[in-house]
Protein backbone atom coordinates (compact mmCIF):
# COMPACT_ATOMS: atom_id res chain seq x y z
CA MET A 1 5.30 -30.63 11.61
CA ILE A 2 2.37 -28.18 11.92
CA PHE A 3 1.20 -26.43 8.76
CA PRO A 4 -1.09 -23.52 9.75
CA LEU A 5 -3.98 -22.60 7.49
CA VAL A 6 -3.23 -19.60 5.28
CA SER A 7 -6.11 -17.60 3.78
CA ILE A 8 -5.37 -15.96 0.44
CA ILE A 9 -7.80 -13.15 -0.41
CA VAL A 10 -8.11 -12.16 -4.08
CA PRO A 11 -10.30 -9.12 -4.94
CA ILE A 12 -11.54 -9.42 -8.53
CA TYR A 13 -12.90 -6.83 -10.94
CA LYS A 14 -12.57 -6.66 -14.75
CA VAL A 15 -9.39 -8.73 -15.00
CA GLU A 16 -10.48 -11.57 -17.29
CA LEU A 17 -7.22 -11.34 -19.28
CA TYR A 18 -5.11 -11.89 -16.16
CA LEU A 19 -7.25 -13.91 -13.76
CA ARG A 20 -6.36 -17.44 -14.88
CA ARG A 21 -2.65 -16.68 -14.61
CA CYS A 22 -3.20 -15.38 -11.08
CA LEU A 23 -5.32 -18.34 -9.97
CA ASP A 24 -3.00 -20.92 -11.52
CA SER A 25 -0.11 -19.45 -9.54
CA ILE A 26 -2.15 -19.77 -6.34
CA VAL A 27 -3.62 -23.27 -6.71
CA ASN A 28 -0.18 -24.63 -7.64
CA GLN A 29 1.56 -23.38 -4.48
CA THR A 30 4.06 -25.75 -2.89
CA TYR A 31 2.39 -24.91 0.44
CA THR A 32 -1.00 -26.58 0.17
CA ASN A 33 -2.90 -25.85 3.41
CA LEU A 34 -4.73 -22.91 1.91
CA GLU A 35 -8.11 -21.24 2.00
CA ILE A 36 -8.43 -19.36 -1.29
CA ILE A 37 -11.10 -16.64 -1.13
CA LEU A 38 -12.07 -15.16 -4.49
CA VAL A 39 -14.13 -11.99 -4.12
CA ASP A 40 -15.98 -11.18 -7.33
CA ASP A 41 -16.69 -7.47 -6.84
CA GLY A 42 -19.56 -7.34 -9.33
CA SER A 43 -17.25 -7.82 -12.31
CA PRO A 44 -19.19 -7.36 -15.60
CA ASP A 45 -16.93 -9.62 -17.69
CA SER A 46 -16.22 -13.36 -17.56
CA CYS A 47 -14.48 -13.20 -14.16
CA PRO A 48 -17.47 -14.55 -12.16
CA GLN A 49 -17.63 -17.66 -14.35
CA ILE A 50 -13.87 -18.16 -14.19
CA CYS A 51 -14.07 -18.05 -10.39
CA ASP A 52 -16.85 -20.65 -10.32
CA ASP A 53 -14.97 -22.90 -12.74
CA TYR A 54 -11.87 -22.92 -10.53
CA ALA A 55 -13.97 -23.48 -7.39
CA ALA A 56 -15.57 -26.53 -8.99
CA LYS A 57 -12.10 -28.08 -9.44
CA ASP A 58 -10.50 -27.12 -6.11
CA LYS A 59 -12.30 -27.53 -2.78
CA ARG A 60 -9.95 -25.01 -1.12
CA ILE A 61 -11.57 -22.19 -3.12
CA VAL A 62 -14.42 -20.11 -1.70
CA VAL A 63 -16.16 -17.66 -4.05
CA ILE A 64 -17.99 -14.52 -2.94
CA HIS A 65 -20.18 -12.83 -5.56
CA LYS A 66 -21.13 -9.31 -4.46
CA GLU A 67 -22.19 -5.95 -5.80
CA ASN A 68 -19.38 -3.63 -6.83
CA GLY A 69 -18.02 -1.80 -3.80
CA GLY A 70 -14.40 -1.15 -4.71
CA LEU A 71 -11.09 -2.75 -3.80
CA SER A 72 -11.27 -2.01 -0.07
CA ASP A 73 -14.79 -3.40 0.23
CA ALA A 74 -13.79 -6.57 -1.63
CA ARG A 75 -10.79 -7.16 0.62
CA ASN A 76 -12.92 -6.53 3.71
CA ALA A 77 -15.45 -9.10 2.47
CA GLY A 78 -12.66 -11.66 2.38
CA LEU A 79 -11.39 -10.66 5.83
CA ASP A 80 -14.88 -11.06 7.27
CA ILE A 81 -15.11 -14.77 6.40
CA CYS A 82 -11.50 -15.98 6.40
CA LYS A 83 -10.52 -18.82 8.73
CA GLY A 84 -6.75 -18.82 8.35
CA GLU A 85 -4.17 -18.27 11.05
CA TYR A 86 -2.34 -16.16 8.48
CA ILE A 87 -3.63 -13.91 5.68
CA SER A 88 -2.17 -12.82 2.35
CA PHE A 89 -3.67 -10.50 -0.27
CA ILE A 90 -2.97 -11.08 -3.96
CA ASP A 91 -4.33 -8.68 -6.57
CA SER A 92 -6.07 -10.52 -9.39
CA ASP A 93 -3.97 -9.07 -12.21
CA ASP A 94 -0.75 -10.15 -10.46
CA TYR A 95 0.75 -13.58 -9.87
CA VAL A 96 3.15 -15.26 -7.45
CA ASP A 97 5.95 -17.82 -7.53
CA ARG A 98 5.11 -21.40 -6.57
CA ASP A 99 6.98 -21.02 -3.27
CA TYR A 100 5.33 -17.69 -2.38
CA ILE A 101 3.43 -18.90 0.70
CA GLU A 102 6.12 -21.41 1.66
CA SER A 103 8.73 -18.62 1.72
CA LEU A 104 6.49 -16.28 3.73
CA ILE A 105 5.50 -18.91 6.28
CA GLU A 106 9.07 -20.14 6.86
CA PRO A 107 10.04 -17.42 9.43
CA THR A 108 7.00 -18.31 11.58
CA LYS A 109 8.61 -21.66 12.41
CA LYS A 110 11.20 -19.87 14.53
CA GLY A 111 9.35 -16.78 15.76
CA SER A 112 6.08 -14.88 16.00
CA TYR A 113 5.68 -11.92 13.63
CA ASP A 114 2.82 -9.49 13.09
CA PHE A 115 3.54 -9.48 9.38
CA ILE A 116 6.20 -10.66 6.96
CA ILE A 117 7.31 -8.67 3.91
CA ALA A 118 8.64 -10.09 0.64
CA ASP A 119 10.18 -8.30 -2.31
CA TYR A 120 8.39 -8.06 -5.64
CA GLN A 121 9.10 -7.59 -9.32
CA SER A 122 7.13 -5.15 -11.46
CA SER A 123 6.29 -6.04 -15.06
CA ASN A 124 7.91 -2.82 -16.34
CA GLU A 125 11.20 -3.32 -14.47
CA LYS A 126 14.36 -5.29 -15.02
CA LYS A 127 14.72 -8.50 -13.06
CA ASN A 128 16.25 -8.18 -9.57
CA SER A 129 15.31 -4.49 -9.16
CA THR A 130 14.87 -4.59 -5.39
CA HIS A 131 12.22 -2.59 -3.53
CA LEU A 132 13.59 -3.36 -0.08
CA SER A 133 16.41 -1.27 1.33
CA CYS A 134 16.11 -2.59 4.89
CA LYS A 135 18.08 -5.59 6.08
CA ASP A 136 16.89 -9.15 5.64
CA GLY A 137 15.55 -10.81 8.79
CA PRO A 138 13.58 -9.82 11.91
CA ILE A 139 12.85 -6.30 13.16
CA GLN A 140 11.60 -6.47 16.71
CA ASP A 141 10.84 -2.99 17.98
CA ASN A 142 8.14 -0.56 16.91
CA LEU A 143 10.36 2.51 16.65
CA THR A 144 12.60 0.81 14.07
CA ILE A 145 9.55 -0.38 12.14
CA ILE A 146 8.22 3.18 11.97
CA ARG A 147 11.66 4.46 10.98
CA ILE A 148 12.04 2.11 8.02
CA TYR A 149 8.41 2.72 7.00
CA CYS A 150 8.87 6.51 6.96
CA SER A 151 12.16 6.05 5.12
CA GLN A 152 10.23 4.03 2.52
CA GLN A 153 12.52 1.04 2.91
CA TYR A 154 9.67 -1.30 2.04
CA PRO A 155 6.67 -0.74 -0.27
CA PRO A 156 3.38 0.51 1.26
CA SER A 157 1.28 -2.22 -0.33
CA ALA A 158 -1.20 -4.72 1.08
CA TRP A 159 0.16 -7.46 -1.19
CA ALA A 160 3.53 -9.28 -1.03
CA LYS A 161 2.99 -9.72 2.71
CA LEU A 162 1.78 -12.35 5.14
CA TYR A 163 -0.23 -11.13 8.15
CA LYS A 164 -0.92 -12.88 11.42
CA PHE A 165 -4.72 -12.85 11.61
CA SER A 166 -4.79 -12.40 15.40
CA PHE A 167 -2.76 -9.18 14.93
CA LEU A 168 -5.30 -7.85 12.41
CA LYS A 169 -8.25 -8.88 14.57
CA GLU A 170 -6.82 -7.52 17.81
CA ASN A 171 -6.30 -4.09 16.24
CA GLN A 172 -9.56 -4.20 14.23
CA PHE A 173 -7.84 -3.69 10.89
CA HIS A 174 -10.04 -3.12 7.86
CA PHE A 175 -9.54 -1.18 4.66
CA GLN A 176 -11.04 2.30 4.40
CA LYS A 177 -13.91 2.14 1.91
CA GLU A 178 -14.35 4.55 -1.02
CA LEU A 179 -10.74 5.67 -0.79
CA LEU A 180 -8.14 5.68 -3.54
CA PHE A 181 -4.57 4.67 -2.67
CA GLU A 182 -5.99 2.71 0.29
CA ASP A 183 -2.82 0.67 0.71
CA GLN A 184 -0.97 3.79 1.87
CA LEU A 185 -3.16 4.27 4.95
CA TRP A 186 -3.34 0.52 5.60
CA SER A 187 0.46 0.27 5.62
CA CYS A 188 0.96 3.27 7.89
CA THR A 189 -1.56 1.94 10.41
CA LEU A 190 0.06 -1.50 10.37
CA ALA A 191 3.48 0.01 11.07
CA ARG A 192 2.02 1.98 13.99
CA PHE A 193 0.85 -1.17 15.80
CA ALA A 194 3.45 -3.73 14.73
CA LYS A 195 6.06 -4.92 17.23
CA ASN A 196 7.69 -7.76 15.31
CA ILE A 197 8.06 -8.05 11.54
CA TYR A 198 10.28 -10.04 9.21
CA ILE A 199 11.86 -9.01 5.90
CA ILE A 200 12.54 -11.46 3.06
CA HIS A 201 14.80 -10.30 0.23
CA LYS A 202 13.20 -12.60 -2.30
CA GLN A 203 11.19 -11.52 -5.36
CA ILE A 204 8.29 -13.94 -5.17
CA TYR A 205 5.41 -11.56 -6.02
CA HIS A 206 4.93 -10.27 -9.56
CA TYR A 207 3.16 -6.93 -9.89
CA THR A 208 1.49 -6.13 -13.21
CA THR A 209 1.61 -2.53 -14.43
CA ARG A 210 -1.49 -1.85 -16.53
CA THR A 211 -2.34 1.23 -18.56
CA ASP A 212 -6.05 0.46 -18.03
CA SER A 213 -5.83 0.13 -14.24
CA ILE A 214 -8.24 2.00 -11.98
CA MET A 215 -5.43 4.12 -10.50
CA LEU A 216 -4.44 5.37 -13.96
CA SER A 217 -7.95 5.78 -15.31
CA ARG A 218 -8.94 9.22 -16.56
CA ASP A 219 -12.47 8.46 -15.40
CA ILE A 220 -11.30 9.19 -11.86
CA GLY A 221 -11.32 12.94 -11.54
CA PHE A 222 -8.57 15.03 -10.02
CA SER A 223 -10.87 16.08 -7.16
CA LYS A 224 -11.41 12.48 -6.06
CA ARG A 225 -7.70 11.72 -6.22
CA LEU A 226 -6.93 14.88 -4.26
CA SER A 227 -9.53 14.25 -1.57
CA SER A 228 -8.18 10.73 -1.05
CA TRP A 229 -4.60 11.98 -0.79
CA CYS A 230 -5.53 14.73 1.66
CA PHE A 231 -7.50 12.35 3.84
CA ILE A 232 -4.59 9.91 3.89
CA LEU A 233 -2.03 12.63 4.65
CA ALA A 234 -4.14 13.95 7.53
CA GLN A 235 -4.61 10.46 8.98
CA GLU A 236 -0.92 9.64 8.61
CA GLU A 237 -0.01 12.87 10.38
CA LYS A 238 -2.19 11.83 13.34
CA ILE A 239 -0.73 8.32 13.38
CA LEU A 240 2.88 9.52 13.27
CA SER A 241 2.52 12.55 15.58
CA SER A 242 3.57 10.58 18.68
CA TYR A 243 6.92 9.80 17.03
CA GLN A 244 7.87 13.41 16.25
CA GLU A 245 10.48 13.73 19.00
CA SER A 246 12.26 10.49 18.14
CA LEU A 247 11.93 10.52 14.35
CA ARG A 248 11.61 14.17 13.35
CA ARG A 249 13.94 13.85 10.35
CA GLU A 250 12.37 10.64 9.03
CA ILE A 251 8.81 11.93 9.40
CA SER A 252 9.65 15.23 7.72
CA SER A 253 11.26 13.33 4.86
CA PHE A 254 8.19 11.09 4.61
CA PHE A 255 5.75 13.99 4.29
CA THR A 256 8.07 16.01 2.06
CA ILE A 257 8.06 13.19 -0.48
CA LYS A 258 4.31 12.63 -0.24
CA ILE A 259 3.33 16.29 -0.49
CA THR A 260 5.71 16.79 -3.40
CA GLU A 261 4.16 13.82 -5.20
CA VAL A 262 0.67 15.25 -4.83
CA LEU A 263 1.65 18.77 -5.91
CA THR A 264 3.75 17.50 -8.80
CA THR A 265 0.76 15.65 -10.28
CA ALA A 266 -0.95 19.03 -10.66
CA ASN A 267 1.99 21.24 -11.55
CA ARG A 268 1.12 21.48 -15.26
CA ASN A 269 -2.33 22.78 -14.47
CA ARG A 270 -2.40 26.03 -12.48
CA PRO A 271 -6.01 25.76 -11.20
CA GLN A 272 -5.41 22.17 -10.07
CA PHE A 273 -2.18 23.16 -8.33
CA HIS A 274 -4.02 25.93 -6.47
CA LYS A 275 -6.69 23.46 -5.40
CA ALA A 276 -4.08 20.92 -4.29
CA PHE A 277 -2.02 23.49 -2.38
CA GLN A 278 -5.06 24.83 -0.52
CA ALA A 279 -6.39 21.37 0.29
CA ILE A 280 -3.07 20.04 1.57
CA THR A 281 -2.38 23.19 3.60
CA GLN A 282 -5.73 22.76 5.34
CA SER A 283 -5.49 19.00 5.87
CA MET A 284 -1.89 19.18 7.14
CA ASN A 285 -2.58 21.94 9.68
CA LYS A 286 -0.48 24.43 7.70
CA LYS A 287 2.70 22.39 8.19
CA ILE A 288 3.33 22.04 4.47
CA ILE A 289 6.43 24.28 4.44
CA SER A 290 7.83 23.11 7.78
CA HIS A 291 8.34 19.61 6.41
CA TRP A 292 10.55 21.03 3.66
CA ILE A 293 12.46 23.11 6.25
CA ASN A 294 13.12 20.09 8.49
CA GLN A 295 14.22 17.95 5.57
CA ALA A 296 16.34 20.49 3.68
CA LYS A 297 20.05 21.11 4.17
CA GLY A 298 22.36 24.07 3.56
CA LEU A 299 21.03 26.75 1.23
CA TYR A 300 17.80 24.84 0.67
CA LYS A 301 17.03 25.10 4.39
CA ILE A 302 17.47 28.88 4.21
CA TYR A 303 15.33 28.96 1.05
CA PHE A 304 12.41 27.10 2.61
CA PHE A 305 12.70 28.97 5.91
CA THR A 306 12.49 32.28 4.02
CA LEU A 307 9.56 30.88 2.07
CA SER A 308 7.74 30.06 5.31
CA LEU A 309 7.80 33.76 6.29
CA LEU A 310 5.94 34.83 3.16
CA PRO A 311 2.16 35.13 2.77
CA SER A 312 0.41 31.91 1.77
CA LYS A 313 -0.48 33.11 -1.73
CA LEU A 314 3.13 34.04 -2.48
CA GLN A 315 4.32 30.71 -1.05
CA GLU A 316 2.00 28.98 -3.48
CA GLU A 317 3.29 30.95 -6.48
CA ILE A 318 6.93 30.23 -5.65
CA MET A 319 6.31 26.54 -5.01
CA TYR A 320 4.38 26.21 -8.28
CA PHE A 321 7.32 27.74 -10.14
CA HIS A 322 9.81 25.58 -8.19
CA LEU A 323 8.06 22.26 -8.84
CA ARG A 324 7.14 23.03 -12.44
CA ASN A 325 10.73 23.82 -13.37
CA ARG A 326 12.01 20.79 -11.49
CA ALA A 327 9.68 18.37 -13.26
């Protein structure tokens, strides 16, 4: 029996309250042929020492101490040195079941897959709340992979997945630096190039919802959030443009949801909504209304089509009223 080396990459920053739980869940995996890469991203707390303490006890652990560069930079640092045939990312405030890697590696015994997706449980959810609406098992054509991605049938996260390293290397995958919500773009790009994936309906990854997380921090201004979202939307539009003829409905639904999410975050603040509307309209090549038209049915289709004929400023006013009263 061959047990391929699996590299687990853990980006670490200001998580001293959670780090030991995360590392204990990794070092105690039932699958033992692991390379465990801990990337200390210039953490100012006790995380660097915790990493060194664990490395002193387990020869499978490699520690990188680096200046703070953000989540993407930390993950990239791990990718640059990893030696595994397969790769998995685990965020340092999360933890995994003991059979996490064993469950993810199991499908590779019978087939070759670009990546394998597992279900997860969030700390603020009831047990067995599934995040996978696609069928269990293999998916072996790119069009179907794009369809289920655009239909949001699996979460757009870097974690709770196992990647074949040769697939990442062949397509030169790295995380976009200095970008918020980086997993969104990573996941879309993966779906674009994947030909074979496998779905596991098993909650073996445990996601921790934190009120003090970077994504929820008020220190991150609206402008930075908006610029990241607009960049991601524009890149996703380019990636998915070649599928428009085959998956028009799914792609329109995908962007309708995403654009609505961005605008809804600003719908209590009129100046922010104006800024968001203008930025998205520019980054999406003025297709903002057309996505609603393609997705809508019945009277809503007529509503959004009529809206598309109006001047941009009036469109903005009506959409602001529409989203604010819906929220």
